[in-house]
Amino acid sequence: MALHRSQISKLALAVFFFCFAISATLPRAGAAEPSTLAALAGRWVGEGRLGIKDNPPESVKCRATYFVEGGEASLKQNIRCATAGGSIEVKSEIANSAGALTGAWSETIHNLSGTLAGEMKPNGIHINVKGDGLNANMDIVVQSNKQIVEIQFFDSTLIGLTLVLTKG
C-alpha cells in the first residue's frame, strides 16, 4: 500500500516544523563563514525522526562519526540510528576537490547504494545520491557544536531521516 499524497504532505510538514523548531535553538552566526569538512570531524550524538512508507514516523537515537583525511581531501561518514522498530545505517566516502564533492553512499540495512555528487555550502554540505533503486538528497548543516542532517528519499521504502546532533 503506497502513501497517499495527504500522508506524504503531513510527513513533509512535520519534518519542516521539526527542523524549524530545532534551528531556532541553534546559535546564530554573524557573517556566513566558509564551511570546512574539518568542522564535521569527530563523534556526534542525538536524535530525530525516520519516515518509512506505510508506517508512522519513528523517533530515532543516533550517533555519527566523521573522519577527515588528507587535509580536507576526503571525508568518511558513518551514521547509525536505532528505533523501536529497527535501525538505519548510512555510510559515505566523500572526495573534496575545491568544494566539489564526489564519492560513494550506502544505507546498509535497507541495501541501498549509489554514487554521490554535491558541493560545499557556507554552513555544511549538500549532496545528491543516485543508484539502482536509489534517488536521495542529503543536507548537513553545521553551526558551532550542533549539526542537522536531513536525508530525503525518492521512490524508496524509506521516506526521510532528520537528525539533530551534538558534537562530543
Protein backbone atom coordinates (compact mmCIF):
# COMPACT_ATOMS: atom_id res chain seq x y z
CA MET A 1 0.00 0.00 0.00
CA ALA A 2 1.51 3.32 -1.08
CA LEU A 3 1.33 6.50 0.92
CA HIS A 4 -1.38 8.90 -0.16
CA ARG A 5 -0.46 12.45 -1.07
CA SER A 6 -2.07 13.69 2.15
CA GLN A 7 0.12 11.36 4.25
CA ILE A 8 3.26 12.48 2.41
CA SER A 9 2.23 16.13 2.83
CA LYS A 10 1.64 15.62 6.57
CA LEU A 11 5.05 13.94 6.97
CA ALA A 12 6.78 16.70 4.98
CA LEU A 13 5.05 19.34 7.09
CA ALA A 14 6.02 17.54 10.32
CA VAL A 15 9.67 17.34 9.19
CA PHE A 16 9.61 21.05 8.24
CA PHE A 17 8.28 22.11 11.65
CA PHE A 18 10.72 19.77 13.42
CA CYS A 19 13.66 21.33 11.53
CA PHE A 20 12.33 24.84 12.09
CA ALA A 21 11.95 24.23 15.84
CA ILE A 22 15.44 22.78 16.10
CA SER A 23 17.05 25.52 14.00
CA ALA A 24 15.60 28.09 16.40
CA THR A 25 17.72 26.55 19.16
CA LEU A 26 20.97 26.79 17.19
CA PRO A 27 23.25 29.72 17.99
CA ARG A 28 23.13 32.48 15.39
CA ALA A 29 26.29 33.31 13.50
CA GLY A 30 27.27 36.69 12.13
CA ALA A 31 28.51 36.54 8.55
CA ALA A 32 28.45 33.14 6.88
CA GLU A 33 31.87 31.56 7.10
CA PRO A 34 33.06 29.08 4.51
CA SER A 35 32.27 25.54 5.56
CA THR A 36 35.03 23.04 6.06
CA LEU A 37 34.98 19.29 6.29
CA ALA A 38 37.12 19.66 9.42
CA ALA A 39 34.04 21.10 11.21
CA LEU A 40 32.44 17.65 10.86
CA ALA A 41 35.37 15.61 12.22
CA GLY A 42 34.63 13.61 15.35
CA ARG A 43 31.71 11.91 17.07
CA TRP A 44 28.19 13.36 17.19
CA VAL A 45 25.13 12.05 19.06
CA GLY A 46 21.47 12.99 19.05
CA GLU A 47 18.01 12.11 17.91
CA GLY A 48 15.49 12.70 15.18
CA ARG A 49 12.72 11.17 13.08
CA LEU A 50 12.71 8.39 10.47
CA GLY A 51 9.95 8.03 7.89
CA ILE A 52 9.26 4.64 6.29
CA LYS A 53 6.40 4.02 3.84
CA ASP A 54 3.22 2.56 5.32
CA ASN A 55 4.39 3.37 8.88
CA PRO A 56 4.09 6.42 11.11
CA PRO A 57 7.36 8.37 11.56
CA GLU A 58 9.52 6.92 14.34
CA SER A 59 11.82 8.59 16.82
CA VAL A 60 15.47 7.61 16.42
CA LYS A 61 18.55 7.88 18.57
CA CYS A 62 21.73 8.24 16.53
CA ARG A 63 25.44 8.63 16.52
CA ALA A 64 27.52 9.90 13.64
CA THR A 65 31.25 9.61 13.20
CA TYR A 66 33.25 11.60 10.66
CA PHE A 67 36.88 11.04 9.69
CA VAL A 68 38.61 13.78 7.70
CA GLU A 69 41.74 12.72 5.82
CA GLY A 70 44.33 14.36 3.59
CA GLY A 71 43.79 17.85 4.93
CA GLU A 72 40.27 18.25 3.62
CA ALA A 73 40.60 16.00 0.57
CA SER A 74 38.29 13.25 1.89
CA LEU A 75 35.63 12.52 4.46
CA LYS A 76 34.28 9.22 5.74
CA GLN A 77 30.85 9.37 7.34
CA ASN A 78 29.06 6.71 9.37
CA ILE A 79 25.59 7.40 10.81
CA ARG A 80 23.89 4.70 12.91
CA CYS A 81 20.36 5.11 14.20
CA ALA A 82 18.09 2.85 16.22
CA THR A 83 14.31 2.96 16.52
CA ALA A 84 11.84 0.83 18.42
CA GLY A 85 11.14 -0.99 15.13
CA GLY A 86 14.60 -1.31 13.61
CA SER A 87 17.62 0.63 12.51
CA ILE A 88 19.24 2.56 9.69
CA GLU A 89 22.93 2.93 8.86
CA VAL A 90 24.32 5.42 6.35
CA LYS A 91 27.92 5.30 5.15
CA SER A 92 29.59 7.77 2.82
CA GLU A 93 33.05 8.18 1.39
CA ILE A 94 33.38 11.68 0.02
CA ALA A 95 36.20 13.23 -2.01
CA ASN A 96 36.53 17.01 -1.95
CA SER A 97 38.07 18.90 -4.87
CA ALA A 98 37.88 22.65 -4.28
CA GLY A 99 34.39 22.33 -2.80
CA ALA A 100 33.04 19.89 -5.41
CA LEU A 101 32.09 16.62 -3.70
CA THR A 102 32.01 13.13 -5.25
CA GLY A 103 32.03 9.62 -3.85
CA ALA A 104 30.03 6.61 -2.73
CA TRP A 105 26.98 6.44 -0.44
CA SER A 106 25.13 3.48 1.06
CA GLU A 107 22.40 2.60 3.50
CA THR A 108 23.39 -0.88 4.65
CA ILE A 109 20.24 -2.06 6.48
CA HIS A 110 17.89 -1.45 3.52
CA ASN A 111 20.57 -2.39 0.95
CA LEU A 112 20.64 0.93 -0.93
CA SER A 113 23.78 2.29 -2.56
CA GLY A 114 24.91 4.71 -5.20
CA THR A 115 27.26 7.46 -6.19
CA LEU A 116 27.11 10.95 -4.79
CA ALA A 117 27.81 14.38 -6.19
CA GLY A 118 27.45 17.66 -4.39
CA GLU A 119 29.07 20.78 -3.09
CA MET A 120 30.24 22.58 -0.01
CA LYS A 121 27.82 25.22 1.27
CA PRO A 122 28.55 28.14 3.61
CA ASN A 123 27.25 26.13 6.60
CA GLY A 124 27.71 22.50 5.52
CA ILE A 125 27.27 20.24 2.52
CA HIS A 126 24.59 19.26 0.01
CA ILE A 127 24.77 16.03 -1.98
CA ASN A 128 22.59 14.13 -4.42
CA VAL A 129 22.74 10.33 -4.44
CA LYS A 130 21.84 8.15 -7.42
CA GLY A 131 21.94 4.37 -7.78
CA ASP A 132 19.87 1.35 -8.74
CA GLY A 133 16.58 1.97 -6.94
CA LEU A 134 18.06 4.94 -5.10
CA ASN A 135 17.45 8.65 -5.55
CA ALA A 136 18.11 10.81 -2.50
CA ASN A 137 19.32 14.19 -1.27
CA MET A 138 21.37 14.70 1.88
CA ASP A 139 21.98 18.05 3.52
CA ILE A 140 24.22 18.58 6.52
CA VAL A 141 24.18 21.91 8.32
CA VAL A 142 26.80 22.60 10.99
CA GLN A 143 26.79 25.50 13.40
CA SER A 144 29.08 25.50 16.40
CA ASN A 145 28.65 22.13 18.16
CA LYS A 146 25.26 21.37 16.54
CA GLN A 147 24.53 19.52 13.32
CA ILE A 148 21.33 18.90 11.37
CA VAL A 149 21.27 16.02 8.91
CA GLU A 150 18.34 15.72 6.54
CA ILE A 151 18.03 12.89 4.03
CA GLN A 152 15.12 12.80 1.59
CA PHE A 153 14.49 9.55 -0.29
CA PHE A 154 12.52 9.41 -3.53
CA ASP A 155 10.85 6.26 -4.89
CA SER A 156 12.02 4.12 -1.96
CA THR A 157 10.56 2.35 1.06
CA LEU A 158 12.40 4.99 3.08
CA ILE A 159 10.88 8.48 3.06
CA GLY A 160 13.31 10.54 5.08
CA LEU A 161 15.61 10.92 8.04
CA THR A 162 16.02 14.15 10.01
CA LEU A 163 18.56 14.34 12.83
CA VAL A 164 19.79 16.93 15.29
CA LEU A 165 23.20 16.01 16.64
CA THR A 166 25.59 17.48 19.19
CA LYS A 167 29.34 17.07 19.00
CA GLY A 168 31.01 15.21 21.80
